[in-house]
Amino acid sequence: MDFSIRPPKPEDLKDVFRMVTELSLLGKSPELEISSEELGKDLFCENPFLQCLIVEVPEHCKTHKGQTTVAYTLFTNAYCTWNGRVVHLGDFYVMPECRGKGVGKALLSTVAKVGKDQHCAIMLTEMRENTPLIDFYIAKGAEDLKVTERRHFLCFDGDAMDKLAQELP
């Protein structure tokens, strides 16, 4: 399959958010709590809060719905005392009709190159039900830390975050 990988431009935000929505529906995730506008501010501000890569195919390879932007990933820089610098891979999505054609492998390899250039490891979380993607990551050399190091990934959000912030002495 012929494709290219690049950072998005502001005019690509509509396609990125379309795929964010598709990913949330595939994962049977709760309703999205961010808007396209919020994502755009975080991606395209003076000091972007996150990084993004998109995969584009030529017009002659567009999807059955006419889309040429067929995959994306969102990631941020973070720090972990076990690993030092890390690239935290948030979203990773390839449209179903483009899977198995090297798109995901190339996209993940591109993130690995970004991480390697910044002297970072890649850390990520994945829903336990998404075994095909977990298997993909493991086949590429990822280590499941829940198995090997007995670490869990936890989140404070919403009411829990509000309550915790109010407990400040």
Foldseek 3Di string as FASTA:
>chain_A
DDKDKDWDDLVCLVVVVVQVVVVCVVVVHPDDPDDSVVQSCQDPPPDHQKTKMWMFDDQVPADPVRDGTFWMWIWGWDQDPVWGIAIETEDTDGHPVCPPVCPSVVRVVVVVVVQVVVVHHYHYDDDPVPVVVVVVVVVVPDDDCCPVVVDDDDDQDDPSVVVVVVPDD
